[in-house]
């Protein structure tokens, strides 16, 4: 099976997705890989599909909204 190599950098498109990869998450949050992973883990928004690590955008958005209040 071949790896998916499609990476989107448009934040509007990324916000409409259900889940994003770590690379797309860095574009979405505008920070580095380590920071974006830590934010996703704190939000309990990380899902593993085999070796693939995905972040659920809706959980991440709720977490960030609660931090900003």
PDB file of N, CA and C in Angstrom:
ATOM      1  N   UNK A   1       0.841  -1.171   0.000  1.00  0.00           N
ATOM      2  CA  UNK A   1       0.000   0.000   0.000  1.00  0.00           C
ATOM      3  C   UNK A   1       0.890   1.240   0.000  1.00  0.00           C
ATOM      4  N   UNK A   2       0.508   2.221  -0.757  1.00  0.00           N
ATOM      5  CA  UNK A   2       1.299   3.443  -0.868  1.00  0.00           C
ATOM      6  C   UNK A   2       0.842   4.489   0.135  1.00  0.00           C
ATOM      7  N   UNK A   3       1.792   5.270   0.605  1.00  0.00           N
ATOM      8  CA  UNK A   3       1.496   6.325   1.567  1.00  0.00           C
ATOM      9  C   UNK A   3       0.808   7.495   0.883  1.00  0.00           C
ATOM     10  N   UNK A   4      -0.061   8.150   1.617  1.00  0.00           N
ATOM     11  CA  UNK A   4      -0.729   9.342   1.110  1.00  0.00           C
ATOM     12  C   UNK A   4       0.214  10.524   1.255  1.00  0.00           C
ATOM     13  N   UNK A   5       0.496  11.211   0.163  1.00  0.00           N
ATOM     14  CA  UNK A   5       1.454  12.314   0.184  1.00  0.00           C
ATOM     15  C   UNK A   5       0.799  13.669  -0.034  1.00  0.00           C
ATOM     16  N   UNK A   6      -0.523  13.736  -0.048  1.00  0.00           N
ATOM     17  CA  UNK A   6      -1.228  14.986  -0.296  1.00  0.00           C
ATOM     18  C   UNK A   6      -1.226  15.814   0.987  1.00  0.00           C
ATOM     19  N   UNK A   7      -0.688  17.011   0.903  1.00  0.00           N
ATOM     20  CA  UNK A   7      -0.651  17.912   2.047  1.00  0.00           C
ATOM     21  C   UNK A   7      -1.309  19.218   1.636  1.00  0.00           C
ATOM     22  N   UNK A   8      -2.294  19.622   2.388  1.00  0.00           N
ATOM     23  CA  UNK A   8      -2.999  20.867   2.126  1.00  0.00           C
ATOM     24  C   UNK A   8      -2.476  21.926   3.094  1.00  0.00           C
ATOM     25  N   UNK A   9      -2.252  23.140   2.619  1.00  0.00           N
ATOM     26  CA  UNK A   9      -1.762  24.211   3.476  1.00  0.00           C
ATOM     27  C   UNK A   9      -2.771  25.334   3.657  1.00  0.00           C
ATOM     28  N   UNK A  10      -3.948  25.213   3.076  1.00  0.00           N
ATOM     29  CA  UNK A  10      -4.977  26.243   3.178  1.00  0.00           C
ATOM     30  C   UNK A  10      -5.762  26.054   4.486  1.00  0.00           C
ATOM     31  N   UNK A  11      -5.678  27.005   5.426  1.00  0.00           N
ATOM     32  CA  UNK A  11      -6.355  26.851   6.722  1.00  0.00           C
ATOM     33  C   UNK A  11      -7.865  26.691   6.612  1.00  0.00           C
ATOM     34  N   UNK A  12      -8.495  27.320   5.630  1.00  0.00           N
ATOM     35  CA  UNK A  12      -9.948  27.194   5.490  1.00  0.00           C
ATOM     36  C   UNK A  12     -10.345  25.773   5.115  1.00  0.00           C
ATOM     37  N   UNK A  13      -9.571  25.148   4.265  1.00  0.00           N
ATOM     38  CA  UNK A  13      -9.831  23.755   3.876  1.00  0.00           C
ATOM     39  C   UNK A  13      -9.557  22.831   5.052  1.00  0.00           C
ATOM     40  N   UNK A  14      -8.481  23.082   5.781  1.00  0.00           N
ATOM     41  CA  UNK A  14      -8.119  22.229   6.912  1.00  0.00           C
ATOM     42  C   UNK A  14      -9.162  22.276   8.020  1.00  0.00           C
ATOM     43  N   UNK A  15      -9.765  23.447   8.257  1.00  0.00           N
ATOM     44  CA  UNK A  15     -10.791  23.571   9.297  1.00  0.00           C
ATOM     45  C   UNK A  15     -12.051  22.790   8.950  1.00  0.00           C
ATOM     46  N   UNK A  16     -12.296  22.566   7.663  1.00  0.00           N
ATOM     47  CA  UNK A  16     -13.494  21.839   7.264  1.00  0.00           C
ATOM     48  C   UNK A  16     -13.294  20.324   7.269  1.00  0.00           C
ATOM     49  N   UNK A  17     -12.080  19.869   7.482  1.00  0.00           N
ATOM     50  CA  UNK A  17     -11.803  18.433   7.517  1.00  0.00           C
ATOM     51  C   UNK A  17     -12.151  17.844   8.877  1.00  0.00           C
ATOM     52  N   UNK A  18     -12.382  16.538   8.911  1.00  0.00           N
ATOM     53  CA  UNK A  18     -12.665  15.843  10.161  1.00  0.00           C
ATOM     54  C   UNK A  18     -11.370  15.611  10.931  1.00  0.00           C
ATOM     55  N   UNK A  19     -10.337  15.175  10.232  1.00  0.00           N
ATOM     56  CA  UNK A  19      -9.043  14.892  10.859  1.00  0.00           C
ATOM     57  C   UNK A  19      -7.924  15.364   9.943  1.00  0.00           C
ATOM     58  N   UNK A  20      -6.799  15.734  10.555  1.00  0.00           N
ATOM     59  CA  UNK A  20      -5.637  16.199   9.797  1.00  0.00           C
ATOM     60  C   UNK A  20      -4.391  15.469  10.278  1.00  0.00           C
ATOM     61  N   UNK A  21      -3.378  15.420   9.416  1.00  0.00           N
ATOM     62  CA  UNK A  21      -2.104  14.820   9.780  1.00  0.00           C
ATOM     63  C   UNK A  21      -1.284  15.820  10.599  1.00  0.00           C
ATOM     64  N   UNK A  22      -0.153  15.370  11.131  1.00  0.00           N
ATOM     65  CA  UNK A  22       0.696  16.255  11.928  1.00  0.00           C
ATOM     66  C   UNK A  22       1.238  17.423  11.109  1.00  0.00           C
ATOM     67  N   UNK A  23       1.612  17.175   9.883  1.00  0.00           N
ATOM     68  CA  UNK A  23       2.129  18.245   9.030  1.00  0.00           C
ATOM     69  C   UNK A  23       1.060  19.285   8.752  1.00  0.00           C
ATOM     70  N   UNK A  24      -0.151  18.819   8.458  1.00  0.00           N
ATOM     71  CA  UNK A  24      -1.253  19.754   8.221  1.00  0.00           C
ATOM     72  C   UNK A  24      -1.630  20.490   9.497  1.00  0.00           C
ATOM     73  N   UNK A  25      -1.481  19.832  10.636  1.00  0.00           N
ATOM     74  CA  UNK A  25      -1.773  20.467  11.926  1.00  0.00           C
ATOM     75  C   UNK A  25      -0.844  21.649  12.185  1.00  0.00           C
ATOM     76  N   UNK A  26       0.421  21.531  11.796  1.00  0.00           N
ATOM     77  CA  UNK A  26       1.353  22.646  11.989  1.00  0.00           C
ATOM     78  C   UNK A  26       0.936  23.858  11.158  1.00  0.00           C
ATOM     79  N   UNK A  27       0.426  23.628   9.938  1.00  0.00           N
ATOM     80  CA  UNK A  27      -0.076  24.734   9.124  1.00  0.00           C
ATOM     81  C   UNK A  27      -1.337  25.329   9.729  1.00  0.00           C
ATOM     82  N   UNK A  28      -2.183  24.469  10.275  1.00  0.00           N
ATOM     83  CA  UNK A  28      -3.446  24.921  10.852  1.00  0.00           C
ATOM     84  C   UNK A  28      -3.217  25.785  12.090  1.00  0.00           C
ATOM     85  N   UNK A  29      -2.292  25.351  12.958  1.00  0.00           N
ATOM     86  CA  UNK A  29      -2.030  26.084  14.201  1.00  0.00           C
ATOM     87  C   UNK A  29      -0.992  27.187  14.038  1.00  0.00           C
ATOM     88  N   UNK A  30      -0.146  27.080  13.032  1.00  0.00           N
ATOM     89  CA  UNK A  30       0.881  28.093  12.815  1.00  0.00           C
ATOM     90  C   UNK A  30       2.016  27.995  13.803  1.00  0.00           C
ATOM     91  N   UNK A  31       2.337  26.774  14.233  1.00  0.00           N
ATOM     92  CA  UNK A  31       3.450  26.580  15.166  1.00  0.00           C
ATOM     93  C   UNK A  31       4.234  25.350  14.732  1.00  0.00           C
ATOM     94  N   UNK A  32       5.261  25.006  15.486  1.00  0.00           N
ATOM     95  CA  UNK A  32       6.117  23.884  15.140  1.00  0.00           C
ATOM     96  C   UNK A  32       5.468  22.532  15.399  1.00  0.00           C
ATOM     97  N   UNK A  33       6.143  21.492  14.955  1.00  0.00           N
ATOM     98  CA  UNK A  33       5.616  20.141  15.061  1.00  0.00           C
ATOM     99  C   UNK A  33       5.479  19.693  16.514  1.00  0.00           C
ATOM    100  N   UNK A  34       6.488  19.933  17.319  1.00  0.00           N
ATOM    101  CA  UNK A  34       6.437  19.502  18.720  1.00  0.00           C
ATOM    102  C   UNK A  34       5.322  20.212  19.483  1.00  0.00           C
ATOM    103  N   UNK A  35       5.165  21.500  19.252  1.00  0.00           N
ATOM    104  CA  UNK A  35       4.116  22.269  19.927  1.00  0.00           C
ATOM    105  C   UNK A  35       2.736  21.835  19.473  1.00  0.00           C
ATOM    106  N   UNK A  36       2.562  21.621  18.184  1.00  0.00           N
ATOM    107  CA  UNK A  36       1.248  21.212  17.684  1.00  0.00           C
ATOM    108  C   UNK A  36       0.880  19.819  18.180  1.00  0.00           C
ATOM    109  N   UNK A  37       1.858  18.916  18.278  1.00  0.00           N
ATOM    110  CA  UNK A  37       1.587  17.585  18.836  1.00  0.00           C
ATOM    111  C   UNK A  37       1.192  17.664  20.297  1.00  0.00           C
ATOM    112  N   UNK A  38       1.878  18.516  21.052  1.00  0.00           N
ATOM    113  CA  UNK A  38       1.572  18.667  22.479  1.00  0.00           C
ATOM    114  C   UNK A  38       0.166  19.246  22.677  1.00  0.00           C
ATOM    115  N   UNK A  39      -0.216  20.204  21.866  1.00  0.00           N
ATOM    116  CA  UNK A  39      -1.561  20.785  21.949  1.00  0.00           C
ATOM    117  C   UNK A  39      -2.609  19.727  21.619  1.00  0.00           C
ATOM    118  N   UNK A  40      -2.365  18.928  20.587  1.00  0.00           N
ATOM    119  CA  UNK A  40      -3.313  17.879  20.196  1.00  0.00           C
ATOM    120  C   UNK A  40      -3.453  16.821  21.292  1.00  0.00           C
ATOM    121  N   UNK A  41      -2.351  16.465  21.933  1.00  0.00           N
ATOM    122  CA  UNK A  41      -2.402  15.483  23.021  1.00  0.00           C
ATOM    123  C   UNK A  41      -3.128  16.046  24.237  1.00  0.00           C
ATOM    124  N   UNK A  42      -2.907  17.309  24.553  1.00  0.00           N
ATOM    125  CA  UNK A  42      -3.614  17.932  25.671  1.00  0.00           C
ATOM    126  C   UNK A  42      -5.111  18.020  25.411  1.00  0.00           C
ATOM    127  N   UNK A  43      -5.495  18.122  24.149  1.00  0.00           N
ATOM    128  CA  UNK A  43      -6.907  18.198  23.782  1.00  0.00           C
ATOM    129  C   UNK A  43      -7.551  16.821  23.672  1.00  0.00           C
ATOM    130  N   UNK A  44      -6.761  15.757  23.852  1.00  0.00           N
ATOM    131  CA  UNK A  44      -7.245  14.372  23.664  1.00  0.00           C
ATOM    132  C   UNK A  44      -7.852  14.194  22.277  1.00  0.00           C
ATOM    133  N   UNK A  45      -7.215  14.768  21.283  1.00  0.00           N
ATOM    134  CA  UNK A  45      -7.733  14.748  19.921  1.00  0.00           C
ATOM    135  C   UNK A  45      -6.911  13.856  18.991  1.00  0.00           C
ATOM    136  N   UNK A  46      -5.997  13.053  19.547  1.00  0.00           N
ATOM    137  CA  UNK A  46      -5.119  12.228  18.733  1.00  0.00           C
ATOM    138  C   UNK A  46      -5.727  10.846  18.538  1.00  0.00           C
ATOM    139  N   UNK A  47      -5.721  10.389  17.280  1.00  0.00           N
ATOM    140  CA  UNK A  47      -6.235   9.070  16.919  1.00  0.00           C
ATOM    141  C   UNK A  47      -5.160   8.359  16.098  1.00  0.00           C
ATOM    142  N   UNK A  48      -4.937   7.087  16.393  1.00  0.00           N
ATOM    143  CA  UNK A  48      -3.976   6.300  15.634  1.00  0.00           C
ATOM    144  C   UNK A  48      -4.713   5.307  14.753  1.00  0.00           C
ATOM    145  N   UNK A  49      -4.333   5.272  13.484  1.00  0.00           N
ATOM    146  CA  UNK A  49      -4.863   4.304  12.535  1.00  0.00           C
ATOM    147  C   UNK A  49      -3.658   3.525  12.007  1.00  0.00           C
ATOM    148  N   UNK A  50      -3.339   2.446  12.696  1.00  0.00           N
ATOM    149  CA  UNK A  50      -2.117   1.718  12.363  1.00  0.00           C
ATOM    150  C   UNK A  50      -0.928   2.572  12.770  1.00  0.00           C
ATOM    151  N   UNK A  51      -0.070   2.901  11.813  1.00  0.00           N
ATOM    152  CA  UNK A  51       1.073   3.770  12.087  1.00  0.00           C
ATOM    153  C   UNK A  51       0.723   5.247  11.935  1.00  0.00           C
ATOM    154  N   UNK A  52      -0.414   5.513  11.350  1.00  0.00           N
ATOM    155  CA  UNK A  52      -0.789   6.891  11.028  1.00  0.00           C
ATOM    156  C   UNK A  52      -1.370   7.609  12.233  1.00  0.00           C
ATOM    157  N   UNK A  53      -0.920   8.815  12.461  1.00  0.00           N
ATOM    158  CA  UNK A  53      -1.382   9.628  13.579  1.00  0.00           C
ATOM    159  C   UNK A  53      -2.220  10.778  13.018  1.00  0.00           C
ATOM    160  N   UNK A  54      -3.469  10.853  13.445  1.00  0.00           N
ATOM    161  CA  UNK A  54      -4.373  11.895  12.984  1.00  0.00           C
ATOM    162  C   UNK A  54      -4.892  12.691  14.171  1.00  0.00           C
ATOM    163  N   UNK A  55      -5.255  13.934  13.924  1.00  0.00           N
ATOM    164  CA  UNK A  55      -5.816  14.803  14.956  1.00  0.00           C
ATOM    165  C   UNK A  55      -7.228  15.185  14.553  1.00  0.00           C
ATOM    166  N   UNK A  56      -8.172  15.001  15.469  1.00  0.00           N
ATOM    167  CA  UNK A  56      -9.566  15.354  15.235  1.00  0.00           C
ATOM    168  C   UNK A  56      -9.711  16.868  15.390  1.00  0.00           C
ATOM    169  N   UNK A  57     -10.131  17.526  14.326  1.00  0.00           N
ATOM    170  CA  UNK A  57     -10.171  18.987  14.289  1.00  0.00           C
ATOM    171  C   UNK A  57     -11.237  19.543  15.241  1.00  0.00           C
ATOM    172  N   UNK A  58     -12.401  18.904  15.327  1.00  0.00           N
ATOM    173  CA  UNK A  58     -13.469  19.432  16.184  1.00  0.00           C
ATOM    174  C   UNK A  58     -13.074  19.414  17.662  1.00  0.00           C
ATOM    175  N   UNK A  59     -12.417  18.347  18.125  1.00  0.00           N
ATOM    176  CA  UNK A  59     -11.958  18.286  19.517  1.00  0.00           C
ATOM    177  C   UNK A  59     -10.897  19.344  19.781  1.00  0.00           C
ATOM    178  N   UNK A  60     -10.015  19.524  18.809  1.00  0.00           N
ATOM    179  CA  UNK A  60      -8.961  20.524  18.941  1.00  0.00           C
ATOM    180  C   UNK A  60      -9.554  21.927  19.021  1.00  0.00           C
ATOM    181  N   UNK A  61     -10.569  22.198  18.197  1.00  0.00           N
ATOM    182  CA  UNK A  61     -11.219  23.516  18.189  1.00  0.00           C
ATOM    183  C   UNK A  61     -11.902  23.796  19.523  1.00  0.00           C
ATOM    184  N   UNK A  62     -12.595  22.801  20.073  1.00  0.00           N
ATOM    185  CA  UNK A  62     -13.251  22.967  21.376  1.00  0.00           C
ATOM    186  C   UNK A  62     -12.235  23.250  22.469  1.00  0.00           C
ATOM    187  N   UNK A  63     -11.113  22.534  22.444  1.00  0.00           N
ATOM    188  CA  UNK A  63     -10.055  22.729  23.432  1.00  0.00           C
ATOM    189  C   UNK A  63      -9.492  24.144  23.355  1.00  0.00           C
ATOM    190  N   UNK A  64      -9.219  24.615  22.156  1.00  0.00           N
ATOM    191  CA  UNK A  64      -8.667  25.962  21.994  1.00  0.00           C
ATOM    192  C   UNK A  64      -9.679  27.037  22.371  1.00  0.00           C
ATOM    193  N   UNK A  65     -10.956  26.793  22.087  1.00  0.00           N
ATOM    194  CA  UNK A  65     -11.997  27.741  22.494  1.00  0.00           C
ATOM    195  C   UNK A  65     -12.082  27.833  24.017  1.00  0.00           C
ATOM    196  N   UNK A  66     -11.980  26.699  24.697  1.00  0.00           N
ATOM    197  CA  UNK A  66     -12.041  26.709  26.170  1.00  0.00           C
ATOM    198  C   UNK A  66     -10.812  27.404  26.762  1.00  0.00           C
ATOM    199  N   UNK A  67      -9.653  27.276  26.128  1.00  0.00           N
ATOM    200  CA  UNK A  67      -8.450  27.957  26.616  1.00  0.00           C
ATOM    201  C   UNK A  67      -8.568  29.466  26.473  1.00  0.00           C
ATOM    202  N   UNK A  68      -9.215  29.911  25.422  1.00  0.00           N
ATOM    203  CA  UNK A  68      -9.281  31.354  25.162  1.00  0.00           C
ATOM    204  C   UNK A  68     -10.319  32.062  26.030  1.00  0.00           C
ATOM    205  N   UNK A  69     -11.222  31.320  26.671  1.00  0.00           N
ATOM    206  CA  UNK A  69     -12.258  31.964  27.508  1.00  0.00           C
ATOM    207  C   UNK A  69     -11.739  32.354  28.859  1.00  0.00           C
TER     208      UNK A  69
END
